[in-house]
Amino acid sequence: MNEIFQNKDGKFSNVDTTEYESIYAYQLLNIRPSVLKALMLPYDYIVVIDGDDIIELLNEKDESIITKNSP
């Protein structure tokens, strides 16, 4: 089992995807309506969410383009 670590630059690494549960978008919106903006992104983008906050946004090349610590 891997843990999620946040590097000094604010990026996350060592994510074990086997610990996540897959659900449909409509189920996610019922649980957490604040993620609607993340669902508008292209399908190959990754959004890291903590509560109602977007912590990091990765593009299709897994490059971090937005982090919570970004200006």
PDB file of N, CA and C in Angstrom:
ATOM      1  N   MET A   1       0.845  -1.180   0.000  1.00  0.00           N
ATOM      2  CA  MET A   1       0.000   0.000   0.000  1.00  0.00           C
ATOM      3  C   MET A   1       0.891   1.244   0.000  1.00  0.00           C
ATOM      4  N   ASN A   2       0.670   2.133  -0.947  1.00  0.00           N
ATOM      5  CA  ASN A   2       1.419   3.377  -1.046  1.00  0.00           C
ATOM      6  C   ASN A   2       0.672   4.496  -0.345  1.00  0.00           C
ATOM      7  N   GLU A   3       1.417   5.503   0.046  1.00  0.00           N
ATOM      8  CA  GLU A   3       0.819   6.700   0.626  1.00  0.00           C
ATOM      9  C   GLU A   3       1.011   7.850  -0.345  1.00  0.00           C
ATOM     10  N   ILE A   4       0.249   8.904  -0.158  1.00  0.00           N
ATOM     11  CA  ILE A   4       0.371  10.091  -0.995  1.00  0.00           C
ATOM     12  C   ILE A   4       1.274  11.077  -0.269  1.00  0.00           C
ATOM     13  N   PHE A   5       2.322  11.496  -0.962  1.00  0.00           N
ATOM     14  CA  PHE A   5       3.244  12.459  -0.391  1.00  0.00           C
ATOM     15  C   PHE A   5       3.198  13.738  -1.208  1.00  0.00           C
ATOM     16  N   GLN A   6       3.261  14.872  -0.517  1.00  0.00           N
ATOM     17  CA  GLN A   6       3.323  16.147  -1.214  1.00  0.00           C
ATOM     18  C   GLN A   6       4.771  16.609  -1.180  1.00  0.00           C
ATOM     19  N   ASN A   7       5.360  16.801  -2.353  1.00  0.00           N
ATOM     20  CA  ASN A   7       6.743  17.237  -2.463  1.00  0.00           C
ATOM     21  C   ASN A   7       6.879  18.696  -2.061  1.00  0.00           C
ATOM     22  N   LYS A   8       8.119  19.162  -1.923  1.00  0.00           N
ATOM     23  CA  LYS A   8       8.376  20.556  -1.550  1.00  0.00           C
ATOM     24  C   LYS A   8       7.783  21.535  -2.557  1.00  0.00           C
ATOM     25  N   ASP A   9       7.717  21.135  -3.828  1.00  0.00           N
ATOM     26  CA  ASP A   9       7.167  22.016  -4.863  1.00  0.00           C
ATOM     27  C   ASP A   9       5.635  21.966  -4.903  1.00  0.00           C
ATOM     28  N   GLY A  10       5.019  21.203  -3.997  1.00  0.00           N
ATOM     29  CA  GLY A  10       3.562  21.139  -3.929  1.00  0.00           C
ATOM     30  C   GLY A  10       2.947  20.015  -4.735  1.00  0.00           C
ATOM     31  N   LYS A  11       3.750  19.268  -5.495  1.00  0.00           N
ATOM     32  CA  LYS A  11       3.227  18.182  -6.315  1.00  0.00           C
ATOM     33  C   LYS A  11       3.060  16.919  -5.473  1.00  0.00           C
ATOM     34  N   PHE A  12       2.121  16.073  -5.872  1.00  0.00           N
ATOM     35  CA  PHE A  12       1.860  14.827  -5.171  1.00  0.00           C
ATOM     36  C   PHE A  12       2.503  13.666  -5.922  1.00  0.00           C
ATOM     37  N   SER A  13       2.904  12.644  -5.191  1.00  0.00           N
ATOM     38  CA  SER A  13       3.490  11.468  -5.825  1.00  0.00           C
ATOM     39  C   SER A  13       3.148  10.221  -5.024  1.00  0.00           C
ATOM     40  N   ASN A  14       3.475   9.053  -5.602  1.00  0.00           N
ATOM     41  CA  ASN A  14       3.255   7.747  -4.981  1.00  0.00           C
ATOM     42  C   ASN A  14       1.788   7.486  -4.656  1.00  0.00           C
ATOM     43  N   VAL A  15       0.947   7.628  -5.640  1.00  0.00           N
ATOM     44  CA  VAL A  15      -0.477   7.386  -5.458  1.00  0.00           C
ATOM     45  C   VAL A  15      -0.796   5.964  -5.882  1.00  0.00           C
ATOM     46  N   ASP A  16      -1.388   5.193  -4.998  1.00  0.00           N
ATOM     47  CA  ASP A  16      -1.805   3.827  -5.298  1.00  0.00           C
ATOM     48  C   ASP A  16      -3.288   3.868  -5.663  1.00  0.00           C
ATOM     49  N   THR A  17      -3.594   3.719  -6.940  1.00  0.00           N
ATOM     50  CA  THR A  17      -4.972   3.865  -7.400  1.00  0.00           C
ATOM     51  C   THR A  17      -5.883   2.727  -6.963  1.00  0.00           C
ATOM     52  N   THR A  18      -5.331   1.655  -6.441  1.00  0.00           N
ATOM     53  CA  THR A  18      -6.177   0.548  -5.997  1.00  0.00           C
ATOM     54  C   THR A  18      -6.984   0.922  -4.751  1.00  0.00           C
ATOM     55  N   GLU A  19      -6.639   2.021  -4.108  1.00  0.00           N
ATOM     56  CA  GLU A  19      -7.337   2.444  -2.904  1.00  0.00           C
ATOM     57  C   GLU A  19      -8.539   3.339  -3.208  1.00  0.00           C
ATOM     58  N   TYR A  20      -8.780   3.654  -4.450  1.00  0.00           N
ATOM     59  CA  TYR A  20      -9.869   4.543  -4.818  1.00  0.00           C
ATOM     60  C   TYR A  20     -11.060   3.759  -5.320  1.00  0.00           C
ATOM     61  N   GLU A  21     -12.219   4.326  -5.145  1.00  0.00           N
ATOM     62  CA  GLU A  21     -13.458   3.708  -5.596  1.00  0.00           C
ATOM     63  C   GLU A  21     -13.954   4.446  -6.828  1.00  0.00           C
ATOM     64  N   SER A  22     -14.326   3.735  -7.859  1.00  0.00           N
ATOM     65  CA  SER A  22     -14.877   4.349  -9.067  1.00  0.00           C
ATOM     66  C   SER A  22     -16.377   4.521  -8.894  1.00  0.00           C
ATOM     67  N   ILE A  23     -16.852   5.722  -9.246  1.00  0.00           N
ATOM     68  CA  ILE A  23     -18.290   5.984  -9.218  1.00  0.00           C
ATOM     69  C   ILE A  23     -18.649   6.805 -10.444  1.00  0.00           C
ATOM     70  N   TYR A  24     -19.919   6.831 -10.783  1.00  0.00           N
ATOM     71  CA  TYR A  24     -20.394   7.633 -11.910  1.00  0.00           C
ATOM     72  C   TYR A  24     -20.412   9.104 -11.527  1.00  0.00           C
ATOM     73  N   ALA A  25     -20.329   9.964 -12.544  1.00  0.00           N
ATOM     74  CA  ALA A  25     -20.309  11.407 -12.309  1.00  0.00           C
ATOM     75  C   ALA A  25     -21.557  11.877 -11.568  1.00  0.00           C
ATOM     76  N   TYR A  26     -22.728  11.353 -11.913  1.00  0.00           N
ATOM     77  CA  TYR A  26     -23.945  11.803 -11.243  1.00  0.00           C
ATOM     78  C   TYR A  26     -23.925  11.416  -9.759  1.00  0.00           C
ATOM     79  N   GLN A  27     -23.288  10.286  -9.417  1.00  0.00           N
ATOM     80  CA  GLN A  27     -23.169   9.894  -8.011  1.00  0.00           C
ATOM     81  C   GLN A  27     -22.237  10.846  -7.268  1.00  0.00           C
ATOM     82  N   LEU A  28     -21.153  11.224  -7.924  1.00  0.00           N
ATOM     83  CA  LEU A  28     -20.209  12.163  -7.335  1.00  0.00           C
ATOM     84  C   LEU A  28     -20.870  13.511  -7.084  1.00  0.00           C
ATOM     85  N   LEU A  29     -21.668  13.981  -8.031  1.00  0.00           N
ATOM     86  CA  LEU A  29     -22.337  15.268  -7.868  1.00  0.00           C
ATOM     87  C   LEU A  29     -23.361  15.246  -6.733  1.00  0.00           C
ATOM     88  N   ASN A  30     -23.982  14.109  -6.500  1.00  0.00           N
ATOM     89  CA  ASN A  30     -24.902  14.003  -5.358  1.00  0.00           C
ATOM     90  C   ASN A  30     -24.156  14.095  -4.038  1.00  0.00           C
ATOM     91  N   ILE A  31     -22.967  13.525  -3.994  1.00  0.00           N
ATOM     92  CA  ILE A  31     -22.165  13.530  -2.771  1.00  0.00           C
ATOM     93  C   ILE A  31     -21.452  14.864  -2.582  1.00  0.00           C
ATOM     94  N   ARG A  32     -20.887  15.389  -3.669  1.00  0.00           N
ATOM     95  CA  ARG A  32     -20.057  16.588  -3.587  1.00  0.00           C
ATOM     96  C   ARG A  32     -20.307  17.500  -4.789  1.00  0.00           C
ATOM     97  N   PRO A  33     -21.350  18.330  -4.743  1.00  0.00           N
ATOM     98  CA  PRO A  33     -21.681  19.196  -5.883  1.00  0.00           C
ATOM     99  C   PRO A  33     -20.594  20.209  -6.234  1.00  0.00           C
ATOM    100  N   SER A  34     -19.673  20.476  -5.329  1.00  0.00           N
ATOM    101  CA  SER A  34     -18.619  21.467  -5.583  1.00  0.00           C
ATOM    102  C   SER A  34     -17.624  21.015  -6.645  1.00  0.00           C
ATOM    103  N   VAL A  35     -17.636  19.751  -7.046  1.00  0.00           N
ATOM    104  CA  VAL A  35     -16.679  19.261  -8.045  1.00  0.00           C
ATOM    105  C   VAL A  35     -17.181  19.441  -9.480  1.00  0.00           C
ATOM    106  N   LEU A  36     -18.286  20.102  -9.664  1.00  0.00           N
ATOM    107  CA  LEU A  36     -18.842  20.296 -11.005  1.00  0.00           C
ATOM    108  C   LEU A  36     -17.825  20.913 -11.956  1.00  0.00           C
ATOM    109  N   LYS A  37     -17.065  21.903 -11.498  1.00  0.00           N
ATOM    110  CA  LYS A  37     -16.066  22.543 -12.354  1.00  0.00           C
ATOM    111  C   LYS A  37     -15.013  21.543 -12.840  1.00  0.00           C
ATOM    112  N   ALA A  38     -14.625  20.610 -12.002  1.00  0.00           N
ATOM    113  CA  ALA A  38     -13.623  19.617 -12.388  1.00  0.00           C
ATOM    114  C   ALA A  38     -14.157  18.691 -13.474  1.00  0.00           C
ATOM    115  N   LEU A  39     -15.452  18.440 -13.491  1.00  0.00           N
ATOM    116  CA  LEU A  39     -16.035  17.556 -14.495  1.00  0.00           C
ATOM    117  C   LEU A  39     -16.095  18.194 -15.879  1.00  0.00           C
ATOM    118  N   MET A  40     -15.867  19.488 -15.966  1.00  0.00           N
ATOM    119  CA  MET A  40     -15.873  20.178 -17.253  1.00  0.00           C
ATOM    120  C   MET A  40     -14.523  20.103 -17.955  1.00  0.00           C
ATOM    121  N   LEU A  41     -13.521  19.564 -17.307  1.00  0.00           N
ATOM    122  CA  LEU A  41     -12.181  19.456 -17.894  1.00  0.00           C
ATOM    123  C   LEU A  41     -12.137  18.325 -18.918  1.00  0.00           C
ATOM    124  N   PRO A  42     -11.137  18.343 -19.807  1.00  0.00           N
ATOM    125  CA  PRO A  42     -10.984  17.227 -20.753  1.00  0.00           C
ATOM    126  C   PRO A  42     -10.820  15.908 -20.009  1.00  0.00           C
ATOM    127  N   TYR A  43     -11.228  14.821 -20.632  1.00  0.00           N
ATOM    128  CA  TYR A  43     -11.244  13.515 -19.973  1.00  0.00           C
ATOM    129  C   TYR A  43      -9.872  13.022 -19.538  1.00  0.00           C
ATOM    130  N   ASP A  44      -8.802  13.496 -20.163  1.00  0.00           N
ATOM    131  CA  ASP A  44      -7.478  12.990 -19.814  1.00  0.00           C
ATOM    132  C   ASP A  44      -6.745  13.861 -18.788  1.00  0.00           C
ATOM    133  N   TYR A  45      -7.447  14.768 -18.144  1.00  0.00           N
ATOM    134  CA  TYR A  45      -6.880  15.562 -17.064  1.00  0.00           C
ATOM    135  C   TYR A  45      -7.174  14.872 -15.741  1.00  0.00           C
ATOM    136  N   ILE A  46      -6.315  15.091 -14.755  1.00  0.00           N
ATOM    137  CA  ILE A  46      -6.482  14.517 -13.425  1.00  0.00           C
ATOM    138  C   ILE A  46      -6.638  15.654 -12.427  1.00  0.00           C
ATOM    139  N   VAL A  47      -7.630  15.541 -11.568  1.00  0.00           N
ATOM    140  CA  VAL A  47      -7.874  16.538 -10.539  1.00  0.00           C
ATOM    141  C   VAL A  47      -7.720  15.877  -9.174  1.00  0.00           C
ATOM    142  N   VAL A  48      -6.881  16.472  -8.322  1.00  0.00           N
ATOM    143  CA  VAL A  48      -6.722  15.999  -6.946  1.00  0.00           C
ATOM    144  C   VAL A  48      -7.556  16.916  -6.073  1.00  0.00           C
ATOM    145  N   ILE A  49      -8.530  16.330  -5.365  1.00  0.00           N
ATOM    146  CA  ILE A  49      -9.473  17.112  -4.566  1.00  0.00           C
ATOM    147  C   ILE A  49      -9.330  16.724  -3.106  1.00  0.00           C
ATOM    148  N   ASP A  50      -9.330  17.732  -2.228  1.00  0.00           N
ATOM    149  CA  ASP A  50      -9.327  17.523  -0.782  1.00  0.00           C
ATOM    150  C   ASP A  50     -10.519  18.285  -0.228  1.00  0.00           C
ATOM    151  N   GLY A  51     -11.541  17.565   0.169  1.00  0.00           N
ATOM    152  CA  GLY A  51     -12.766  18.222   0.617  1.00  0.00           C
ATOM    153  C   GLY A  51     -13.415  18.926  -0.553  1.00  0.00           C
ATOM    154  N   ASP A  52     -13.594  20.239  -0.447  1.00  0.00           N
ATOM    155  CA  ASP A  52     -14.165  21.020  -1.536  1.00  0.00           C
ATOM    156  C   ASP A  52     -13.100  21.781  -2.325  1.00  0.00           C
ATOM    157  N   ASP A  53     -11.830  21.567  -1.999  1.00  0.00           N
ATOM    158  CA  ASP A  53     -10.738  22.302  -2.630  1.00  0.00           C
ATOM    159  C   ASP A  53     -10.032  21.464  -3.689  1.00  0.00           C
ATOM    160  N   ILE A  54      -9.740  22.095  -4.831  1.00  0.00           N
ATOM    161  CA  ILE A  54      -8.887  21.464  -5.839  1.00  0.00           C
ATOM    162  C   ILE A  54      -7.447  21.719  -5.405  1.00  0.00           C
ATOM    163  N   ILE A  55      -6.723  20.646  -5.140  1.00  0.00           N
ATOM    164  CA  ILE A  55      -5.348  20.740  -4.653  1.00  0.00           C
ATOM    165  C   ILE A  55      -4.361  20.793  -5.807  1.00  0.00           C
ATOM    166  N   GLU A  56      -4.622  20.004  -6.847  1.00  0.00           N
ATOM    167  CA  GLU A  56      -3.711  19.973  -7.989  1.00  0.00           C
ATOM    168  C   GLU A  56      -4.463  19.577  -9.246  1.00  0.00           C
ATOM    169  N   LEU A  57      -4.023  20.105 -10.368  1.00  0.00           N
ATOM    170  CA  LEU A  57      -4.582  19.779 -11.675  1.00  0.00           C
ATOM    171  C   LEU A  57      -3.441  19.357 -12.585  1.00  0.00           C
ATOM    172  N   LEU A  58      -3.562  18.154 -13.159  1.00  0.00           N
ATOM    173  CA  LEU A  58      -2.538  17.615 -14.053  1.00  0.00           C
ATOM    174  C   LEU A  58      -3.103  17.527 -15.463  1.00  0.00           C
ATOM    175  N   ASN A  59      -2.291  17.898 -16.457  1.00  0.00           N
ATOM    176  CA  ASN A  59      -2.742  17.832 -17.846  1.00  0.00           C
ATOM    177  C   ASN A  59      -2.588  16.417 -18.398  1.00  0.00           C
ATOM    178  N   GLU A  60      -2.803  16.260 -19.697  1.00  0.00           N
ATOM    179  CA  GLU A  60      -2.764  14.936 -20.330  1.00  0.00           C
ATOM    180  C   GLU A  60      -1.375  14.299 -20.313  1.00  0.00           C
ATOM    181  N   LYS A  61      -0.335  15.091 -20.039  1.00  0.00           N
ATOM    182  CA  LYS A  61       1.035  14.571 -19.953  1.00  0.00           C
ATOM    183  C   LYS A  61       1.446  14.360 -18.490  1.00  0.00           C
ATOM    184  N   ASP A  62       0.473  14.401 -17.582  1.00  0.00           N
ATOM    185  CA  ASP A  62       0.697  14.286 -16.136  1.00  0.00           C
ATOM    186  C   ASP A  62       1.599  15.389 -15.595  1.00  0.00           C
ATOM    187  N   GLU A  63       1.571  16.552 -16.253  1.00  0.00           N
ATOM    188  CA  GLU A  63       2.320  17.715 -15.785  1.00  0.00           C
ATOM    189  C   GLU A  63       1.395  18.540 -14.897  1.00  0.00           C
ATOM    190  N   SER A  64       1.903  18.933 -13.754  1.00  0.00           N
ATOM    191  CA  SER A  64       1.114  19.742 -12.838  1.00  0.00           C
ATOM    192  C   SER A  64       0.974  21.150 -13.413  1.00  0.00           C
ATOM    193  N   ILE A  65      -0.261  21.573 -13.671  1.00  0.00           N
ATOM    194  CA  ILE A  65      -0.463  22.909 -14.241  1.00  0.00           C
ATOM    195  C   ILE A  65      -1.060  23.876 -13.228  1.00  0.00           C
ATOM    196  N   ILE A  66      -1.674  23.351 -12.168  1.00  0.00           N
ATOM    197  CA  ILE A  66      -2.194  24.183 -11.090  1.00  0.00           C
ATOM    198  C   ILE A  66      -2.026  23.418  -9.787  1.00  0.00           C
ATOM    199  N   THR A  67      -1.495  24.091  -8.774  1.00  0.00           N
ATOM    200  CA  THR A  67      -1.451  23.530  -7.433  1.00  0.00           C
ATOM    201  C   THR A  67      -2.072  24.519  -6.477  1.00  0.00           C
ATOM    202  N   LYS A  68      -2.513  24.039  -5.337  1.00  0.00           N
ATOM    203  CA  LYS A  68      -3.142  24.910  -4.355  1.00  0.00           C
ATOM    204  C   LYS A  68      -2.196  26.029  -3.929  1.00  0.00           C
ATOM    205  N   ASN A  69      -0.902  25.755  -3.951  1.00  0.00           N
ATOM    206  CA  ASN A  69       0.093  26.748  -3.535  1.00  0.00           C
ATOM    207  C   ASN A  69       0.477  27.698  -4.654  1.00  0.00           C
ATOM    208  N   SER A  70      -0.123  27.534  -5.845  1.00  0.00           N
ATOM    209  CA  SER A  70       0.185  28.425  -6.977  1.00  0.00           C
ATOM    210  C   SER A  70      -0.367  29.807  -6.713  1.00  0.00           C
ATOM    211  N   PRO A  71       0.290  30.824  -7.251  1.00  0.00           N
ATOM    212  CA  PRO A  71      -0.250  32.188  -7.096  1.00  0.00           C
ATOM    213  C   PRO A  71      -1.515  32.374  -7.908  1.00  0.00           C
TER     214      PRO A  71
END
